Every structure is written in structure tokens, then in C-alpha cells.
């Protein structure tokens, strides 16, 4: 089975340029099939895509992220993050970030326990998914990139 968070991390690392990461990326697994999507959509459009993909297509797993900039006090060390989540049909959502910098190139591992960004992404997801089920990061340590 493909480790989607690791594959997503690798994809994001290759997609960084001086303007950040655009378009947004999503990797979807349904059975043994993987689909990599480049989403030239607004953040709201990406969330609508996630809902449609999960609810209508019945995917088993997906990983997505939105390119964001950071501010002091958000628990980050670099100026940019991809904030998003890893969904598994049998477990729910796990929220995390990948901090990055274009020059010199730095791509930090997934961080699953950033309080600021986890709350921000949970708020966004809860707007499109009623009854949002989040996975406790302490009990779920698989998928680190």
C-alpha cells in the first residue's frame, strides 16, 4: 500500500518555486487506484472538491493541502506552510502541516501537532463536513514523511 502522506510530501517538495506552491495538490486513493490532482481552485473550491470526492466517489483515502504563509505565534519556524489533512474512510481526518522555504530549499517533515494550524484547518473542514471526525495525533503515528 502506498504511503499517501509520504508521497504527498515528496510531491510538495518538488512543486515549490519562488511564488510558493500553485496549484493546490491532492492525492486520492480508491482501491488500488491513485489519482494526483492539481487544483487551480480557491480554498473554498478545494474544500468543495474534497467533499464531492469523499461523499460521491467513496474514496478510501486522500491527502491535500493549501499553500499558506505564516505569522509569528503560529508555532512555525519558516515563513510558508502547506496546511491540510489526511483522510481515511475508516479513521477520519488527521490534520497537519508541511513547513517549507524556497531558497535555500527547506522542506520539513509533516507536523501533525501544530495547535494553531490544526485548529484553523479543522474550522475550514467543519464548514463542509458535518460531524468532522479527527484522529488524535498521539495515537496515530503512521505516515510521517
N, C-alpha and C. Protein backbone atom coordinates (compact mmCIF):
# COMPACT_ATOMS: atom_id res chain seq x y z
N UNK A 1 0.84 -1.18 0.00
CA UNK A 1 0.00 0.00 0.00
C UNK A 1 0.89 1.25 0.00
N UNK A 2 0.54 2.23 -0.80
CA UNK A 2 1.30 3.47 -0.90
C UNK A 2 1.06 4.32 0.34
N UNK A 3 2.12 4.89 0.86
CA UNK A 3 2.05 5.82 2.00
C UNK A 3 1.71 7.20 1.43
N UNK A 4 0.42 7.57 1.45
CA UNK A 4 0.00 8.82 0.82
C UNK A 4 0.64 10.06 1.43
N UNK A 5 0.73 10.18 2.76
CA UNK A 5 1.40 11.38 3.29
C UNK A 5 2.84 11.52 2.82
N UNK A 6 3.58 10.40 2.72
CA UNK A 6 4.96 10.47 2.24
C UNK A 6 5.01 10.86 0.77
N UNK A 7 4.10 10.29 -0.04
CA UNK A 7 4.04 10.64 -1.45
C UNK A 7 3.67 12.11 -1.64
N UNK A 8 2.71 12.59 -0.84
CA UNK A 8 2.31 14.00 -0.91
C UNK A 8 3.48 14.90 -0.53
N UNK A 9 4.20 14.54 0.52
CA UNK A 9 5.36 15.33 0.96
C UNK A 9 6.38 15.43 -0.16
N UNK A 10 6.64 14.33 -0.83
CA UNK A 10 7.58 14.31 -1.95
C UNK A 10 7.08 15.20 -3.09
N UNK A 11 5.80 15.14 -3.39
CA UNK A 11 5.19 15.95 -4.45
C UNK A 11 5.31 17.44 -4.13
N UNK A 12 5.01 17.80 -2.90
CA UNK A 12 5.10 19.21 -2.49
C UNK A 12 6.54 19.69 -2.57
N UNK A 13 7.48 18.88 -2.11
CA UNK A 13 8.89 19.26 -2.17
C UNK A 13 9.35 19.58 -3.58
N UNK A 14 8.81 18.87 -4.56
CA UNK A 14 9.19 19.10 -5.95
C UNK A 14 8.44 20.27 -6.58
N UNK A 15 7.34 20.70 -5.98
CA UNK A 15 6.49 21.73 -6.59
C UNK A 15 6.81 23.16 -6.13
N UNK A 16 7.69 23.32 -5.17
CA UNK A 16 7.99 24.64 -4.62
C UNK A 16 8.73 25.50 -5.65
N UNK A 17 8.27 26.73 -5.81
CA UNK A 17 9.02 27.70 -6.60
C UNK A 17 9.01 29.04 -5.86
N UNK A 18 9.50 30.08 -6.48
CA UNK A 18 9.64 31.38 -5.82
C UNK A 18 8.29 31.95 -5.37
N UNK A 19 7.21 31.56 -6.03
CA UNK A 19 5.88 32.05 -5.68
C UNK A 19 5.14 31.13 -4.72
N UNK A 20 5.78 30.07 -4.29
CA UNK A 20 5.13 29.13 -3.38
C UNK A 20 4.78 27.85 -4.08
N UNK A 21 3.58 27.35 -3.81
CA UNK A 21 3.11 26.11 -4.42
C UNK A 21 1.75 26.38 -5.05
N UNK A 22 1.70 26.31 -6.34
CA UNK A 22 0.45 26.54 -7.06
C UNK A 22 0.47 25.69 -8.31
N UNK A 23 -0.60 25.02 -8.61
CA UNK A 23 -1.88 24.98 -7.90
C UNK A 23 -1.80 24.09 -6.65
N UNK A 24 -2.92 24.04 -5.93
CA UNK A 24 -3.01 23.16 -4.76
C UNK A 24 -2.96 21.71 -5.25
N UNK A 25 -2.50 20.80 -4.39
CA UNK A 25 -2.36 19.39 -4.76
C UNK A 25 -3.24 18.50 -3.88
N UNK A 26 -3.67 17.41 -4.46
CA UNK A 26 -4.44 16.41 -3.74
C UNK A 26 -4.11 15.04 -4.33
N UNK A 27 -3.94 14.05 -3.48
CA UNK A 27 -3.72 12.68 -3.93
C UNK A 27 -4.85 11.83 -3.35
N UNK A 28 -5.49 11.06 -4.21
CA UNK A 28 -6.67 10.28 -3.84
C UNK A 28 -6.41 8.80 -4.12
N UNK A 29 -6.80 7.96 -3.16
CA UNK A 29 -6.73 6.51 -3.37
C UNK A 29 -8.12 5.93 -3.26
N UNK A 30 -8.49 5.18 -4.28
CA UNK A 30 -9.74 4.41 -4.27
C UNK A 30 -9.37 3.01 -4.71
N UNK A 31 -9.43 2.07 -3.77
CA UNK A 31 -8.95 0.72 -4.05
C UNK A 31 -7.46 0.77 -4.30
N UNK A 32 -7.02 0.21 -5.41
CA UNK A 32 -5.60 0.22 -5.77
C UNK A 32 -5.24 1.37 -6.70
N UNK A 33 -6.21 2.21 -7.03
CA UNK A 33 -6.00 3.31 -7.97
C UNK A 33 -5.62 4.60 -7.25
N UNK A 34 -4.58 5.27 -7.74
CA UNK A 34 -4.17 6.57 -7.21
C UNK A 34 -4.43 7.64 -8.26
N UNK A 35 -4.93 8.78 -7.81
CA UNK A 35 -5.13 9.93 -8.68
C UNK A 35 -4.45 11.12 -8.04
N UNK A 36 -3.60 11.81 -8.80
CA UNK A 36 -2.96 13.03 -8.34
C UNK A 36 -3.65 14.18 -9.04
N UNK A 37 -4.19 15.11 -8.25
CA UNK A 37 -4.94 16.23 -8.82
C UNK A 37 -4.21 17.54 -8.55
N UNK A 38 -4.10 18.37 -9.57
CA UNK A 38 -3.61 19.75 -9.44
C UNK A 38 -4.84 20.62 -9.48
N UNK A 39 -5.14 21.29 -8.37
CA UNK A 39 -6.40 22.00 -8.21
C UNK A 39 -6.20 23.51 -8.31
N UNK A 40 -6.47 24.06 -9.47
CA UNK A 40 -6.39 25.51 -9.68
C UNK A 40 -7.71 26.12 -9.23
N UNK A 41 -7.96 26.02 -7.92
CA UNK A 41 -9.21 26.46 -7.32
C UNK A 41 -8.93 27.35 -6.12
N UNK A 42 -9.92 28.12 -5.72
CA UNK A 42 -9.83 28.87 -4.47
C UNK A 42 -9.84 27.88 -3.31
N UNK A 43 -9.47 28.31 -2.11
CA UNK A 43 -9.57 27.39 -0.97
C UNK A 43 -10.98 26.81 -0.81
N UNK A 44 -12.01 27.61 -1.00
CA UNK A 44 -13.38 27.10 -0.93
C UNK A 44 -13.66 26.07 -2.00
N UNK A 45 -13.11 26.28 -3.19
CA UNK A 45 -13.25 25.32 -4.27
C UNK A 45 -12.56 24.01 -3.96
N UNK A 46 -11.39 24.08 -3.32
CA UNK A 46 -10.68 22.86 -2.92
C UNK A 46 -11.52 22.09 -1.91
N UNK A 47 -12.07 22.78 -0.92
CA UNK A 47 -12.89 22.11 0.09
C UNK A 47 -14.12 21.48 -0.55
N UNK A 48 -14.73 22.14 -1.52
CA UNK A 48 -15.88 21.57 -2.23
C UNK A 48 -15.46 20.32 -3.00
N UNK A 49 -14.28 20.36 -3.61
CA UNK A 49 -13.74 19.20 -4.31
C UNK A 49 -13.55 18.03 -3.35
N UNK A 50 -12.99 18.31 -2.16
CA UNK A 50 -12.78 17.25 -1.17
C UNK A 50 -14.10 16.61 -0.78
N UNK A 51 -15.10 17.43 -0.50
CA UNK A 51 -16.41 16.90 -0.10
C UNK A 51 -17.00 16.04 -1.20
N UNK A 52 -16.97 16.54 -2.40
CA UNK A 52 -17.52 15.79 -3.54
C UNK A 52 -16.76 14.47 -3.73
N UNK A 53 -15.46 14.53 -3.62
CA UNK A 53 -14.63 13.34 -3.82
C UNK A 53 -14.89 12.29 -2.75
N UNK A 54 -15.00 12.72 -1.50
CA UNK A 54 -15.22 11.79 -0.40
C UNK A 54 -16.66 11.26 -0.39
N UNK A 55 -17.64 12.15 -0.53
CA UNK A 55 -19.03 11.73 -0.37
C UNK A 55 -19.60 11.07 -1.61
N UNK A 56 -19.27 11.53 -2.78
CA UNK A 56 -19.86 10.97 -4.00
C UNK A 56 -19.04 9.82 -4.58
N UNK A 57 -17.73 9.94 -4.51
CA UNK A 57 -16.88 8.94 -5.14
C UNK A 57 -16.47 7.83 -4.19
N UNK A 58 -16.71 8.02 -2.88
CA UNK A 58 -16.41 6.97 -1.92
C UNK A 58 -14.95 6.57 -1.86
N UNK A 59 -14.06 7.55 -1.83
CA UNK A 59 -12.63 7.24 -1.81
C UNK A 59 -12.24 6.59 -0.49
N UNK A 60 -11.16 5.84 -0.55
CA UNK A 60 -10.64 5.19 0.66
C UNK A 60 -9.74 6.13 1.46
N UNK A 61 -9.02 7.00 0.74
CA UNK A 61 -8.01 7.82 1.40
C UNK A 61 -7.68 9.00 0.50
N UNK A 62 -7.33 10.12 1.11
CA UNK A 62 -6.81 11.26 0.35
C UNK A 62 -5.94 12.13 1.24
N UNK A 63 -5.05 12.88 0.60
CA UNK A 63 -4.21 13.87 1.27
C UNK A 63 -4.28 15.13 0.44
N UNK A 64 -4.44 16.27 1.11
CA UNK A 64 -4.49 17.55 0.40
C UNK A 64 -3.81 18.61 1.25
N UNK A 65 -3.58 19.76 0.64
CA UNK A 65 -3.06 20.90 1.38
C UNK A 65 -3.27 22.18 0.62
N UNK A 66 -3.29 23.27 1.37
CA UNK A 66 -3.40 24.61 0.81
C UNK A 66 -2.15 25.40 1.20
N UNK A 67 -1.57 26.08 0.25
CA UNK A 67 -0.37 26.87 0.49
C UNK A 67 -0.74 28.11 1.30
N UNK A 68 -0.03 28.33 2.40
CA UNK A 68 -0.31 29.46 3.30
C UNK A 68 1.00 30.11 3.73
N UNK A 69 0.91 31.36 4.16
CA UNK A 69 2.07 32.00 4.77
C UNK A 69 1.82 32.05 6.27
N UNK A 70 2.91 32.17 7.03
CA UNK A 70 2.79 32.13 8.48
C UNK A 70 3.08 33.50 9.08
N UNK A 71 2.69 33.63 10.33
CA UNK A 71 2.96 34.82 11.14
C UNK A 71 3.55 34.37 12.47
N UNK A 72 4.24 35.27 13.17
CA UNK A 72 4.76 34.91 14.49
C UNK A 72 3.63 34.44 15.41
N UNK A 73 3.94 33.48 16.26
CA UNK A 73 2.96 32.98 17.22
C UNK A 73 2.13 31.81 16.71
N UNK A 74 2.43 31.31 15.50
CA UNK A 74 1.65 30.20 14.95
C UNK A 74 2.37 28.86 15.09
N UNK A 75 3.46 28.86 15.86
CA UNK A 75 4.15 27.61 16.14
C UNK A 75 4.96 27.07 14.97
N UNK A 76 5.41 27.96 14.09
CA UNK A 76 6.19 27.55 12.93
C UNK A 76 7.56 28.22 12.95
N UNK A 77 8.49 27.67 12.19
CA UNK A 77 9.82 28.25 12.13
C UNK A 77 10.15 28.84 10.76
N UNK A 78 9.35 28.52 9.75
CA UNK A 78 9.57 29.04 8.40
C UNK A 78 8.40 29.93 7.99
N UNK A 79 8.53 30.64 6.91
CA UNK A 79 7.52 31.60 6.51
C UNK A 79 6.33 31.04 5.75
N UNK A 80 6.46 29.81 5.27
CA UNK A 80 5.38 29.23 4.46
C UNK A 80 5.05 27.82 4.93
N UNK A 81 3.78 27.46 4.78
CA UNK A 81 3.33 26.10 5.10
C UNK A 81 2.32 25.65 4.07
N UNK A 82 2.24 24.36 3.93
CA UNK A 82 1.09 23.73 3.28
C UNK A 82 0.29 23.14 4.43
N UNK A 83 -0.92 23.64 4.62
CA UNK A 83 -1.78 23.20 5.71
C UNK A 83 -2.92 22.39 5.12
N UNK A 84 -3.10 21.19 5.65
CA UNK A 84 -4.15 20.35 5.08
C UNK A 84 -4.40 19.14 5.93
N UNK A 85 -4.76 18.04 5.27
CA UNK A 85 -5.10 16.87 6.03
C UNK A 85 -5.01 15.58 5.25
N UNK A 86 -5.09 14.51 6.02
CA UNK A 86 -5.04 13.15 5.52
C UNK A 86 -6.33 12.50 5.96
N UNK A 87 -7.15 12.12 5.00
CA UNK A 87 -8.43 11.48 5.27
C UNK A 87 -8.36 10.00 4.97
N UNK A 88 -8.86 9.19 5.89
CA UNK A 88 -9.03 7.76 5.66
C UNK A 88 -10.45 7.40 6.04
N UNK A 89 -11.14 6.74 5.14
CA UNK A 89 -12.56 6.44 5.34
C UNK A 89 -12.80 5.71 6.65
N UNK A 90 -11.91 4.81 7.02
CA UNK A 90 -12.11 4.02 8.23
C UNK A 90 -11.62 4.70 9.51
N UNK A 91 -10.98 5.87 9.39
CA UNK A 91 -10.42 6.52 10.58
C UNK A 91 -10.83 7.97 10.74
N UNK A 92 -11.12 8.66 9.66
CA UNK A 92 -11.42 10.09 9.73
C UNK A 92 -10.24 10.92 9.27
N UNK A 93 -10.16 12.13 9.80
CA UNK A 93 -9.16 13.12 9.37
C UNK A 93 -8.00 13.23 10.35
N UNK A 94 -6.85 13.45 9.81
CA UNK A 94 -5.66 13.82 10.57
C UNK A 94 -5.11 15.09 9.93
N UNK A 95 -5.00 16.14 10.71
CA UNK A 95 -4.60 17.44 10.19
C UNK A 95 -3.12 17.67 10.44
N UNK A 96 -2.46 18.27 9.46
CA UNK A 96 -1.04 18.54 9.61
C UNK A 96 -0.56 19.63 8.67
N UNK A 97 0.70 19.98 8.85
CA UNK A 97 1.34 20.99 8.00
C UNK A 97 2.69 20.49 7.53
N UNK A 98 3.11 21.05 6.41
CA UNK A 98 4.47 20.88 5.92
C UNK A 98 5.04 22.28 5.79
N UNK A 99 6.01 22.62 6.63
CA UNK A 99 6.67 23.92 6.51
C UNK A 99 7.71 23.83 5.41
N UNK A 100 7.85 24.94 4.67
CA UNK A 100 8.84 24.94 3.60
C UNK A 100 9.40 26.33 3.36
N UNK A 101 10.51 26.34 2.63
CA UNK A 101 11.18 27.57 2.19
C UNK A 101 11.75 27.30 0.81
N UNK A 102 11.61 28.27 -0.10
CA UNK A 102 12.08 28.09 -1.47
C UNK A 102 13.60 28.12 -1.56
N UNK A 103 14.24 29.21 -1.10
CA UNK A 103 15.69 29.35 -1.20
C UNK A 103 16.26 29.78 0.14
N UNK A 104 17.26 29.09 0.68
CA UNK A 104 17.65 27.76 0.24
C UNK A 104 16.51 26.78 0.52
N UNK A 105 16.43 25.76 -0.29
CA UNK A 105 15.32 24.81 -0.23
C UNK A 105 15.31 24.08 1.10
N UNK A 106 14.19 24.23 1.81
CA UNK A 106 13.95 23.50 3.06
C UNK A 106 12.52 22.98 2.98
N UNK A 107 12.33 21.70 3.24
CA UNK A 107 11.01 21.10 3.32
C UNK A 107 11.01 20.23 4.59
N UNK A 108 10.34 20.72 5.61
CA UNK A 108 10.32 19.98 6.88
C UNK A 108 9.35 18.81 6.79
N UNK A 109 9.53 17.80 7.66
CA UNK A 109 8.60 16.67 7.70
C UNK A 109 7.19 17.14 8.08
N UNK A 110 6.22 16.30 7.81
CA UNK A 110 4.86 16.57 8.28
C UNK A 110 4.89 16.87 9.77
N UNK A 111 4.15 17.84 10.20
CA UNK A 111 3.94 18.14 11.62
C UNK A 111 2.45 17.93 11.87
N UNK A 112 2.11 16.99 12.73
CA UNK A 112 0.72 16.64 12.98
C UNK A 112 0.17 17.31 14.25
N UNK A 113 0.99 18.08 14.96
CA UNK A 113 0.53 18.60 16.24
C UNK A 113 0.73 20.10 16.42
N UNK A 114 0.59 20.88 15.34
CA UNK A 114 0.66 22.32 15.45
C UNK A 114 -0.72 22.85 15.85
N UNK A 115 -0.83 23.35 17.07
CA UNK A 115 -2.13 23.74 17.62
C UNK A 115 -2.82 24.81 16.76
N UNK A 116 -2.08 25.83 16.34
CA UNK A 116 -2.70 26.91 15.56
C UNK A 116 -3.26 26.39 14.24
N UNK A 117 -2.42 25.74 13.45
CA UNK A 117 -2.85 25.30 12.13
C UNK A 117 -3.84 24.15 12.18
N UNK A 118 -3.71 23.25 13.16
CA UNK A 118 -4.70 22.18 13.29
C UNK A 118 -6.08 22.76 13.56
N UNK A 119 -6.16 23.78 14.41
CA UNK A 119 -7.45 24.41 14.69
C UNK A 119 -7.98 25.13 13.46
N UNK A 120 -7.11 25.83 12.74
CA UNK A 120 -7.55 26.57 11.55
C UNK A 120 -8.09 25.62 10.48
N UNK A 121 -7.37 24.54 10.22
CA UNK A 121 -7.82 23.57 9.20
C UNK A 121 -9.09 22.86 9.66
N UNK A 122 -9.17 22.52 10.95
CA UNK A 122 -10.38 21.88 11.47
C UNK A 122 -11.60 22.78 11.28
N UNK A 123 -11.44 24.09 11.50
CA UNK A 123 -12.55 25.03 11.28
C UNK A 123 -12.98 25.01 9.81
N UNK A 124 -12.00 25.03 8.91
CA UNK A 124 -12.32 25.00 7.48
C UNK A 124 -13.04 23.71 7.10
N UNK A 125 -12.50 22.59 7.53
CA UNK A 125 -13.12 21.30 7.19
C UNK A 125 -14.51 21.16 7.78
N UNK A 126 -14.71 21.68 9.00
CA UNK A 126 -16.02 21.55 9.65
C UNK A 126 -17.10 22.36 8.93
N UNK A 127 -16.70 23.31 8.12
CA UNK A 127 -17.68 24.08 7.34
C UNK A 127 -18.27 23.26 6.20
N UNK A 128 -17.56 22.23 5.75
CA UNK A 128 -18.08 21.42 4.64
C UNK A 128 -18.36 19.97 5.04
N UNK A 129 -17.86 19.53 6.18
CA UNK A 129 -18.11 18.17 6.65
C UNK A 129 -18.77 18.23 8.01
N UNK A 130 -20.07 17.96 8.06
CA UNK A 130 -20.75 17.92 9.36
C UNK A 130 -20.28 16.67 10.10
N UNK A 131 -20.15 16.77 11.39
CA UNK A 131 -19.69 15.63 12.18
C UNK A 131 -18.25 15.25 11.90
N UNK A 132 -17.41 16.24 11.69
CA UNK A 132 -16.00 16.02 11.38
C UNK A 132 -15.35 15.12 12.43
N UNK A 133 -14.73 14.04 11.97
CA UNK A 133 -14.04 13.09 12.85
C UNK A 133 -12.54 13.29 12.71
N UNK A 134 -11.89 13.71 13.79
CA UNK A 134 -10.45 13.93 13.79
C UNK A 134 -9.74 12.80 14.50
N UNK A 135 -8.59 12.43 13.99
CA UNK A 135 -7.76 11.40 14.61
C UNK A 135 -6.81 12.07 15.59
N UNK A 136 -6.70 11.53 16.78
CA UNK A 136 -5.74 12.01 17.77
C UNK A 136 -4.34 11.72 17.26
N UNK A 137 -3.52 12.77 17.11
CA UNK A 137 -2.19 12.58 16.54
C UNK A 137 -1.30 11.66 17.37
N UNK A 138 -1.51 11.60 18.67
CA UNK A 138 -0.66 10.78 19.53
C UNK A 138 -0.90 9.29 19.26
N UNK A 139 -2.15 8.92 18.98
CA UNK A 139 -2.46 7.51 18.77
C UNK A 139 -2.28 7.06 17.33
N UNK A 140 -1.88 7.98 16.46
CA UNK A 140 -1.77 7.64 15.05
C UNK A 140 -0.48 8.21 14.48
N UNK A 141 0.58 7.46 14.58
CA UNK A 141 1.89 7.98 14.20
C UNK A 141 2.36 7.49 12.84
N UNK A 142 1.52 6.77 12.09
CA UNK A 142 1.92 6.32 10.77
C UNK A 142 1.87 7.46 9.78
N UNK A 143 2.62 7.33 8.70
CA UNK A 143 2.53 8.30 7.61
C UNK A 143 3.43 9.50 7.74
N UNK A 144 4.36 9.48 8.66
CA UNK A 144 5.29 10.60 8.73
C UNK A 144 6.21 10.57 7.52
N UNK A 145 6.40 11.74 6.92
CA UNK A 145 7.28 11.82 5.75
C UNK A 145 8.69 12.09 6.20
